[in-house]
Amino acid sequence: MINFATVYNVFIRDFHKQKKRITLTLLALGWGTISIMLLLGFGEGLHTQLSINQKGMGDEISILWGGQTTIPFKGLGKGRHIHLFKEDPAYLKKRIPELRYIAGEYHRWGAAVKYGDKILSEHINGIAPEFEMMRAHIPMMGGRMINELDMQLKRRVAFLGDGFKERLFGDEDPIGKQIFINGMPFMVIGVMQEKMQMSSYSGSDEDKVSIPATTFQTVFGDRYLDNIVYQPWDVDNMKSVERQVYEAMGVRYKFDPNDERALQIWDTAEGAREFNNMLTGINIFLGFIGSLTLLIAGVGVANIMYVSIKERTREIGIKMAVGARRSYILFQFLIEALLITFFGGLGGMSISYILTEAFKRIPIESEVLDFMGRPTISLEIGLIVVSILGIMGIISGLFPAMKAASVNPVESLRHE
């Protein structure tokens, strides 16, 4: 049976004999570990931040626009424009039980918004309460989003994007204040929480003024919805729901449900999956680059073990002559290789953690952080690095250990 205390003592003895070689190998292992952990940490931070930013427009939603038919259907020619009406969201909600939220949306650019002596030309949005959850229209403390009563009573209330609030009100609290949109008074009921929005279909939400869709239709008289936003209960049903939308709208507006040009649907969940796959690929690439650095250190471990075996040939022969099994010799040198890898890797992991924590405390412009994020050493990264170190330690020590176990006791006793 292997005595681990003896193995450790032998390791310490060899360290004193080969102090310079083992120290350089430990430094190489530490540097390799730092490289792979920092690369994976920055990749993880980027992945996390971009995943958050990606949800700024909404999580697992689809945006629906009207299109133009390209296939004749039941005596009707192609080229007909399919418009969206305010009744369509309720119709689709009734026909498709898999829908969790659905609401229509109006847009108007260039509306005059006035507060005090300041007048801005802005984007006015007509939305429903469902946008709070679907489109991440989360209000700041002290305010609220548009609700069902606002819709039913067609109230003249406004929910402001945080960027627009800064331009119109500056540091002043806008809640309860009155603004004028094209000369009509509206009361500000809330301001959107600041968020990072990587994509959009009608401009950044921070620059919009949102009012109830019913109020918008009354004030501006728009006949058609500009688009419809929906979110299914289960993201895995996105394609099934999309097919049902084509079928239901095909029945309502008399077009072939296989005519993909009759409607336009942007499935953001599919785009998110492709984006996440790309980020995962980047993380794998960064891990591969770091692993190559660690591989060089692994070669150093193997060299140290080969040198140690050569210098201890006589010792190995004596052990085998007095009854030590080859398996004992094999495991002794394998464990020594793992000890070198362990100490080098532990040092590198400790330094990596300290560096990432220090980096988090460096003041960096928020715009950079909103995009790049901060490096993160997660449990998963730790387990990956430990696994790589373990495999590398075993491989680096296995071949030298096999050579040690194959030593001929008689010949080794003659070794000087």
Protein backbone atom coordinates (compact mmCIF):
# COMPACT_ATOMS: atom_id res chain seq x y z
CA MET A 1 0.00 0.00 0.00
CA ILE A 2 1.33 3.46 -0.89
CA ASN A 3 2.31 5.66 2.06
CA PHE A 4 1.32 9.17 0.95
CA ALA A 5 3.36 10.78 3.74
CA THR A 6 6.46 9.05 2.41
CA VAL A 7 5.68 10.14 -1.14
CA TYR A 8 5.27 13.73 0.06
CA ASN A 9 8.55 13.64 1.97
CA VAL A 10 10.35 12.25 -1.07
CA PHE A 11 8.81 15.05 -3.16
CA ILE A 12 10.11 17.68 -0.71
CA ARG A 13 13.55 16.03 -0.75
CA ASP A 14 13.62 16.11 -4.56
CA PHE A 15 12.47 19.71 -4.51
CA HIS A 16 15.53 20.70 -2.49
CA LYS A 17 17.76 18.74 -4.89
CA GLN A 18 16.17 20.23 -8.03
CA LYS A 19 14.98 23.52 -6.59
CA LYS A 20 15.65 25.60 -9.71
CA ARG A 21 14.04 23.14 -12.18
CA ILE A 22 10.94 22.50 -10.09
CA THR A 23 10.52 26.20 -9.29
CA LEU A 24 10.61 27.08 -13.01
CA THR A 25 8.12 24.28 -13.72
CA LEU A 26 5.81 25.54 -10.96
CA LEU A 27 6.03 29.05 -12.39
CA ALA A 28 5.20 27.72 -15.86
CA LEU A 29 2.22 25.82 -14.44
CA GLY A 30 1.09 28.90 -12.56
CA TRP A 31 1.38 31.09 -15.67
CA GLY A 32 -0.50 28.54 -17.77
CA THR A 33 -3.25 28.33 -15.16
CA ILE A 34 -3.48 32.13 -14.96
CA SER A 35 -3.70 32.35 -18.75
CA ILE A 36 -6.52 29.86 -19.11
CA MET A 37 -8.47 31.18 -16.11
CA LEU A 38 -8.24 34.82 -17.16
CA LEU A 39 -9.17 34.01 -20.76
CA LEU A 40 -12.15 31.94 -19.61
CA GLY A 41 -13.02 34.58 -16.98
CA PHE A 42 -13.11 37.41 -19.53
CA GLY A 43 -15.05 35.17 -21.92
CA GLU A 44 -17.55 34.33 -19.19
CA GLY A 45 -17.95 38.00 -18.24
CA LEU A 46 -18.51 38.94 -21.88
CA HIS A 47 -21.00 36.10 -22.34
CA THR A 48 -22.94 37.05 -19.21
CA GLN A 49 -23.08 40.77 -20.01
CA LEU A 50 -24.06 40.30 -23.65
CA SER A 51 -26.76 37.81 -22.62
CA ILE A 52 -28.19 40.45 -20.28
CA ASN A 53 -27.93 43.15 -22.94
CA GLN A 54 -29.66 40.89 -25.43
CA LYS A 55 -32.76 40.83 -23.21
CA GLY A 56 -33.03 44.63 -23.21
CA MET A 57 -35.46 44.53 -26.12
CA GLY A 58 -37.38 41.63 -24.56
CA ASP A 59 -36.86 38.02 -23.63
CA GLU A 60 -38.12 35.22 -25.90
CA ILE A 61 -40.48 37.41 -27.93
CA SER A 62 -41.50 37.62 -31.57
CA ILE A 63 -42.41 40.76 -33.51
CA LEU A 64 -45.07 40.49 -36.19
CA TRP A 65 -45.56 42.87 -39.11
CA GLY A 66 -48.00 42.80 -42.00
CA GLY A 67 -46.59 41.89 -45.40
CA GLN A 68 -47.65 41.34 -49.00
CA THR A 69 -49.04 38.16 -50.50
CA THR A 70 -47.03 36.35 -53.16
CA ILE A 71 -49.33 33.36 -53.74
CA PRO A 72 -52.87 33.59 -55.26
CA PHE A 73 -55.49 32.23 -52.84
CA LYS A 74 -59.14 31.25 -53.48
CA GLY A 75 -59.58 33.56 -56.43
CA LEU A 76 -57.69 36.44 -54.83
CA GLY A 77 -54.58 37.59 -56.65
CA LYS A 78 -51.13 38.03 -55.25
CA GLY A 79 -49.65 41.38 -54.27
CA ARG A 80 -52.31 42.23 -51.64
CA HIS A 81 -51.05 44.13 -48.59
CA ILE A 82 -51.88 42.51 -45.24
CA HIS A 83 -52.47 45.14 -42.57
CA LEU A 84 -52.73 44.61 -38.82
CA PHE A 85 -55.74 45.89 -36.89
CA LYS A 86 -56.26 46.61 -33.20
CA GLU A 87 -58.55 43.56 -32.90
CA ASP A 88 -55.86 41.15 -34.14
CA PRO A 89 -54.05 40.59 -30.80
CA ALA A 90 -57.28 39.50 -29.05
CA TYR A 91 -58.15 37.31 -32.04
CA LEU A 92 -54.76 35.55 -31.97
CA LYS A 93 -54.83 35.19 -28.19
CA LYS A 94 -58.18 33.40 -28.45
CA ARG A 95 -57.08 31.14 -31.30
CA ILE A 96 -53.61 30.25 -29.91
CA PRO A 97 -53.66 29.11 -26.24
CA GLU A 98 -49.85 28.75 -26.24
CA LEU A 99 -49.53 32.56 -26.18
CA ARG A 100 -48.69 34.02 -22.79
CA TYR A 101 -48.69 37.70 -23.78
CA ILE A 102 -49.64 39.50 -26.98
CA ALA A 103 -50.24 43.18 -27.71
CA GLY A 104 -50.30 45.62 -30.60
CA GLU A 105 -48.07 48.65 -31.01
CA TYR A 106 -48.34 52.04 -32.71
CA HIS A 107 -45.49 54.39 -33.69
CA ARG A 108 -45.36 58.08 -34.51
CA TRP A 109 -42.10 59.92 -35.18
CA GLY A 110 -41.58 63.67 -35.01
CA ALA A 111 -44.28 64.48 -32.44
CA ALA A 112 -43.73 67.73 -30.54
CA VAL A 113 -43.27 67.13 -26.81
CA LYS A 114 -43.25 70.24 -24.61
CA TYR A 115 -42.42 70.83 -20.97
CA GLY A 116 -42.04 74.38 -19.75
CA ASP A 117 -40.05 76.27 -22.35
CA LYS A 118 -38.42 73.14 -23.78
CA ILE A 119 -39.82 71.50 -26.94
CA LEU A 120 -38.46 68.25 -28.40
CA SER A 121 -39.34 66.31 -31.55
CA GLU A 122 -39.75 62.72 -30.34
CA HIS A 123 -40.89 59.17 -31.02
CA ILE A 124 -44.33 58.44 -29.50
CA ASN A 125 -45.25 54.82 -28.87
CA GLY A 126 -48.75 53.44 -28.33
CA ILE A 127 -48.45 50.29 -26.20
CA ALA A 128 -50.33 48.01 -23.79
CA PRO A 129 -49.59 46.89 -20.17
CA GLU A 130 -48.15 43.59 -21.49
CA PHE A 131 -45.08 45.52 -22.65
CA GLU A 132 -43.85 45.77 -19.08
CA MET A 133 -43.01 42.06 -19.10
CA MET A 134 -42.59 41.39 -22.82
CA ARG A 135 -40.41 44.37 -23.65
CA ALA A 136 -38.72 45.03 -20.29
CA HIS A 137 -40.52 48.35 -19.72
CA ILE A 138 -39.76 48.24 -16.00
CA PRO A 139 -40.56 51.49 -14.13
CA MET A 140 -38.20 53.18 -11.68
CA MET A 141 -39.18 53.45 -8.03
CA GLY A 142 -41.91 55.99 -7.45
CA GLY A 143 -43.55 55.50 -10.84
CA ARG A 144 -45.53 52.89 -12.72
CA MET A 145 -46.17 51.51 -16.17
CA ILE A 146 -49.36 51.85 -18.21
CA ASN A 147 -52.14 49.65 -16.78
CA GLU A 148 -55.47 48.22 -17.92
CA LEU A 149 -57.48 51.13 -16.46
CA ASP A 150 -55.41 53.56 -18.50
CA MET A 151 -56.33 51.51 -21.58
CA GLN A 152 -60.03 51.28 -20.78
CA LEU A 153 -60.43 54.98 -19.93
CA LYS A 154 -58.08 56.13 -22.69
CA ARG A 155 -56.17 58.20 -20.19
CA ARG A 156 -53.67 60.81 -21.28
CA VAL A 157 -50.74 59.40 -19.35
CA ALA A 158 -47.14 58.99 -20.46
CA PHE A 159 -44.36 56.54 -19.58
CA LEU A 160 -40.95 57.98 -20.43
CA GLY A 161 -37.74 56.33 -21.55
CA ASP A 162 -34.88 57.19 -19.20
CA GLY A 163 -32.86 58.88 -21.95
CA PHE A 164 -35.80 61.05 -22.99
CA LYS A 165 -36.46 61.97 -19.35
CA GLU A 166 -32.89 63.25 -19.04
CA ARG A 167 -33.25 65.40 -22.17
CA LEU A 168 -36.59 66.91 -21.18
CA PHE A 169 -36.42 67.08 -17.37
CA GLY A 170 -32.74 66.82 -16.51
CA ASP A 171 -32.41 66.11 -12.78
CA GLU A 172 -36.00 67.11 -12.05
CA ASP A 173 -38.43 64.37 -10.93
CA PRO A 174 -41.00 64.07 -13.75
CA ILE A 175 -43.56 61.89 -11.94
CA GLY A 176 -46.90 63.71 -11.76
CA LYS A 177 -45.70 66.51 -14.05
CA GLN A 178 -47.68 67.54 -17.12
CA ILE A 179 -46.20 67.47 -20.60
CA PHE A 180 -47.80 68.40 -23.92
CA ILE A 181 -47.73 66.06 -26.92
CA ASN A 182 -48.76 67.92 -30.10
CA GLY A 183 -50.42 70.46 -27.81
CA MET A 184 -52.44 67.92 -25.76
CA PRO A 185 -51.71 67.53 -22.02
CA PHE A 186 -50.40 64.21 -20.67
CA MET A 187 -49.40 63.35 -17.10
CA VAL A 188 -46.10 61.52 -16.57
CA ILE A 189 -46.74 58.34 -14.55
CA GLY A 190 -43.36 56.62 -14.74
CA VAL A 191 -39.82 56.46 -16.08
CA MET A 192 -38.21 53.32 -17.46
CA GLN A 193 -35.30 51.80 -15.58
CA GLU A 194 -31.99 52.17 -17.36
CA LYS A 195 -31.17 49.13 -19.49
CA MET A 196 -28.74 48.08 -22.21
CA GLN A 197 -30.52 47.36 -25.49
CA MET A 198 -28.40 45.68 -28.15
CA SER A 199 -31.09 45.43 -30.83
CA SER A 200 -34.33 47.14 -31.76
CA TYR A 201 -36.96 47.33 -34.48
CA SER A 202 -38.16 50.90 -33.95
CA GLY A 203 -35.35 52.64 -32.12
CA SER A 204 -34.03 52.53 -28.58
CA ASP A 205 -36.66 52.33 -25.82
CA GLU A 206 -34.80 54.91 -23.74
CA ASP A 207 -35.67 57.60 -26.30
CA LYS A 208 -39.41 56.93 -26.53
CA VAL A 209 -42.53 58.36 -24.93
CA SER A 210 -45.08 55.59 -24.42
CA ILE A 211 -48.81 56.21 -24.05
CA PRO A 212 -51.75 53.78 -23.89
CA ALA A 213 -52.46 52.23 -27.30
CA THR A 214 -56.15 53.16 -27.02
CA THR A 215 -55.21 56.79 -26.32
CA PHE A 216 -52.75 56.77 -29.20
CA GLN A 217 -55.41 55.51 -31.62
CA THR A 218 -57.86 58.17 -30.44
CA VAL A 219 -55.36 61.04 -30.54
CA PHE A 220 -53.58 60.23 -33.79
CA GLY A 221 -56.33 58.28 -35.55
CA ASP A 222 -54.08 55.55 -36.91
CA ARG A 223 -56.13 52.88 -38.68
CA TYR A 224 -53.53 50.11 -38.57
CA LEU A 225 -51.22 48.73 -35.94
CA ASP A 226 -47.56 49.11 -36.86
CA ASN A 227 -46.68 45.73 -35.38
CA ILE A 228 -47.71 43.08 -32.85
CA VAL A 229 -45.44 41.64 -30.16
CA TYR A 230 -46.11 38.23 -28.61
CA GLN A 231 -44.48 35.82 -26.18
CA PRO A 232 -45.41 32.13 -25.82
CA TRP A 233 -45.53 30.29 -22.51
CA ASP A 234 -42.75 27.97 -23.63
CA VAL A 235 -39.86 29.21 -25.76
CA ASP A 236 -39.57 25.74 -27.28
CA ASN A 237 -42.98 26.35 -28.93
CA MET A 238 -41.84 29.44 -30.84
CA LYS A 239 -41.90 27.75 -34.24
CA SER A 240 -45.20 26.01 -33.52
CA VAL A 241 -46.77 29.32 -32.45
CA GLU A 242 -45.38 31.04 -35.53
CA ARG A 243 -47.02 28.41 -37.75
CA GLN A 244 -50.33 28.89 -35.90
CA VAL A 245 -50.09 32.67 -36.37
CA TYR A 246 -49.78 32.19 -40.14
CA GLU A 247 -52.73 29.81 -40.15
CA ALA A 248 -54.97 32.00 -37.98
CA MET A 249 -54.16 35.20 -39.88
CA GLY A 250 -54.51 33.33 -43.17
CA VAL A 251 -58.08 32.45 -42.23
CA ARG A 252 -58.83 36.00 -41.07
CA TYR A 253 -57.33 37.81 -44.09
CA LYS A 254 -57.71 35.11 -46.71
CA PHE A 255 -54.14 34.28 -47.72
CA ASP A 256 -52.25 31.01 -48.10
CA PRO A 257 -50.74 30.14 -44.65
CA ASN A 258 -47.64 28.87 -46.49
CA ASP A 259 -47.08 32.31 -47.99
CA GLU A 260 -44.24 33.51 -45.76
CA ARG A 261 -44.24 36.98 -47.36
CA ALA A 262 -47.82 37.67 -46.29
CA LEU A 263 -46.51 38.31 -42.77
CA GLN A 264 -43.07 39.12 -41.39
CA ILE A 265 -42.07 37.59 -38.06
CA TRP A 266 -38.85 38.19 -36.19
CA ASP A 267 -38.18 35.32 -33.76
CA THR A 268 -35.75 36.91 -31.30
CA ALA A 269 -35.37 33.62 -29.37
CA GLU A 270 -33.83 31.94 -32.42
CA GLY A 271 -31.43 34.83 -32.82
CA ALA A 272 -30.54 34.57 -29.12
CA ARG A 273 -29.75 30.87 -29.49
CA GLU A 274 -27.47 31.54 -32.45
CA PHE A 275 -25.79 34.38 -30.55
CA ASN A 276 -25.24 32.20 -27.47
CA ASN A 277 -23.78 29.46 -29.66
CA MET A 278 -21.35 32.01 -31.08
CA LEU A 279 -20.33 33.15 -27.57
CA THR A 280 -19.89 29.53 -26.48
CA GLY A 281 -17.61 29.02 -29.48
CA ILE A 282 -15.56 32.06 -28.42
CA ASN A 283 -15.23 30.66 -24.90
CA ILE A 284 -14.10 27.29 -26.26
CA PHE A 285 -11.52 29.02 -28.46
CA LEU A 286 -10.21 31.07 -25.51
CA GLY A 287 -10.04 27.91 -23.40
CA PHE A 288 -8.13 26.15 -26.18
CA ILE A 289 -5.58 28.97 -26.40
CA GLY A 290 -5.11 28.88 -22.62
CA SER A 291 -4.80 25.09 -22.66
CA LEU A 292 -1.91 25.33 -25.15
CA THR A 293 -0.04 27.53 -22.67
CA LEU A 294 -0.74 24.99 -19.95
CA LEU A 295 0.41 22.17 -22.24
CA ILE A 296 3.89 23.69 -22.42
CA ALA A 297 4.04 23.60 -18.62
CA GLY A 298 2.94 19.94 -18.78
CA VAL A 299 5.98 19.17 -20.93
CA GLY A 300 8.08 20.73 -18.19
CA VAL A 301 6.50 18.44 -15.59
CA ALA A 302 7.31 15.40 -17.74
CA ASN A 303 10.92 16.55 -18.15
CA ILE A 304 11.30 17.01 -14.40
CA MET A 305 9.97 13.50 -13.81
CA TYR A 306 12.32 11.97 -16.39
CA VAL A 307 15.29 13.72 -14.76
CA SER A 308 14.14 12.58 -11.33
CA ILE A 309 13.86 8.96 -12.52
CA LYS A 310 17.34 9.07 -14.04
CA GLU A 311 18.86 10.42 -10.82
CA ARG A 312 16.96 7.91 -8.67
CA THR A 313 17.54 4.80 -10.79
CA ARG A 314 19.59 3.13 -8.05
CA GLU A 315 16.95 4.01 -5.43
CA ILE A 316 14.25 2.45 -7.61
CA GLY A 317 16.32 -0.70 -8.03
CA ILE A 318 16.85 -1.05 -4.28
CA LYS A 319 13.10 -0.68 -3.63
CA MET A 320 12.27 -3.31 -6.21
CA ALA A 321 15.03 -5.62 -4.88
CA VAL A 322 13.51 -5.57 -1.38
CA GLY A 323 10.04 -6.37 -2.69
CA ALA A 324 8.44 -3.16 -3.95
CA ARG A 325 5.94 -3.91 -6.70
CA ARG A 326 6.08 -2.18 -10.04
CA SER A 327 2.62 -0.72 -9.33
CA TYR A 328 4.05 0.96 -6.20
CA ILE A 329 6.84 2.58 -8.23
CA LEU A 330 4.33 3.59 -10.92
CA PHE A 331 1.95 5.27 -8.49
CA GLN A 332 4.76 6.91 -6.51
CA PHE A 333 6.05 8.85 -9.52
CA LEU A 334 2.54 9.52 -10.82
CA ILE A 335 1.57 11.06 -7.48
CA GLU A 336 4.74 13.15 -7.48
CA ALA A 337 3.80 14.53 -10.91
CA LEU A 338 0.31 15.31 -9.64
CA LEU A 339 1.76 17.10 -6.60
CA ILE A 340 3.84 19.35 -8.83
CA THR A 341 0.78 20.06 -10.98
CA PHE A 342 -1.39 20.67 -7.91
CA PHE A 343 0.92 23.23 -6.32
CA GLY A 344 1.54 25.06 -9.59
CA GLY A 345 -2.16 25.06 -10.48
CA LEU A 346 -3.21 26.16 -6.98
CA GLY A 347 -0.86 29.11 -7.12
CA GLY A 348 -2.10 30.10 -10.58
CA MET A 349 -5.77 29.81 -9.58
CA SER A 350 -5.21 31.93 -6.46
CA ILE A 351 -3.45 34.67 -8.43
CA SER A 352 -6.19 34.57 -11.12
CA TYR A 353 -8.90 35.06 -8.51
CA ILE A 354 -7.01 37.98 -6.93
CA LEU A 355 -6.48 39.61 -10.35
CA THR A 356 -10.15 39.32 -11.37
CA GLU A 357 -11.33 40.71 -8.03
CA ALA A 358 -8.85 43.59 -8.37
CA PHE A 359 -10.05 44.26 -11.92
CA LYS A 360 -13.62 44.56 -10.67
CA ARG A 361 -12.54 47.42 -8.43
CA ILE A 362 -10.90 49.42 -11.22
CA PRO A 363 -13.12 52.39 -12.17
CA ILE A 364 -14.13 51.93 -15.81
CA GLU A 365 -16.67 53.91 -17.82
CA SER A 366 -20.13 52.36 -17.51
CA GLU A 367 -20.57 52.26 -21.30
CA VAL A 368 -17.62 49.89 -21.59
CA LEU A 369 -18.90 47.68 -18.77
CA ASP A 370 -22.41 47.66 -20.26
CA PHE A 371 -20.94 46.04 -23.35
CA MET A 372 -17.92 44.03 -22.18
CA GLY A 373 -18.89 43.14 -18.62
CA ARG A 374 -16.31 42.21 -15.97
CA PRO A 375 -14.25 39.01 -15.81
CA THR A 376 -15.94 36.32 -13.74
CA ILE A 377 -14.33 33.26 -12.18
CA SER A 378 -17.29 30.92 -11.83
CA LEU A 379 -17.49 27.46 -10.27
CA GLU A 380 -17.76 25.99 -13.77
CA ILE A 381 -14.49 27.66 -14.82
CA GLY A 382 -12.80 26.36 -11.67
CA LEU A 383 -13.97 22.81 -12.35
CA ILE A 384 -12.85 23.03 -16.00
CA VAL A 385 -9.36 24.22 -15.02
CA VAL A 386 -9.04 21.62 -12.25
CA SER A 387 -10.05 18.91 -14.75
CA ILE A 388 -7.51 20.11 -17.30
CA LEU A 389 -4.79 20.24 -14.63
CA GLY A 390 -5.69 16.75 -13.43
CA ILE A 391 -5.63 15.26 -16.92
CA MET A 392 -2.39 17.06 -17.75
CA GLY A 393 -0.80 15.93 -14.48
CA ILE A 394 -1.74 12.32 -15.13
CA ILE A 395 -0.48 12.39 -18.72
CA SER A 396 2.72 14.24 -17.75
CA GLY A 397 3.49 11.74 -15.01
CA LEU A 398 2.19 8.53 -16.55
CA PHE A 399 4.91 7.92 -19.16
CA PRO A 400 7.83 8.77 -16.85
CA ALA A 401 6.20 6.60 -14.14
CA MET A 402 5.85 3.72 -16.57
CA LYS A 403 9.52 4.06 -17.42
CA ALA A 404 10.41 4.01 -13.71
CA ALA A 405 8.28 0.90 -13.14
CA SER A 406 10.00 -0.88 -16.03
CA VAL A 407 13.49 -0.46 -14.57
CA ASN A 408 15.47 -3.72 -14.29
CA PRO A 409 16.46 -4.05 -10.59
CA VAL A 410 19.78 -5.81 -11.37
CA GLU A 411 20.89 -3.21 -13.89
CA SER A 412 19.72 -0.33 -11.73
CA LEU A 413 21.83 -1.51 -8.78
CA ARG A 414 24.92 -1.14 -11.00
CA HIS A 415 23.85 2.42 -11.87
CA GLU A 416 26.12 5.11 -10.41
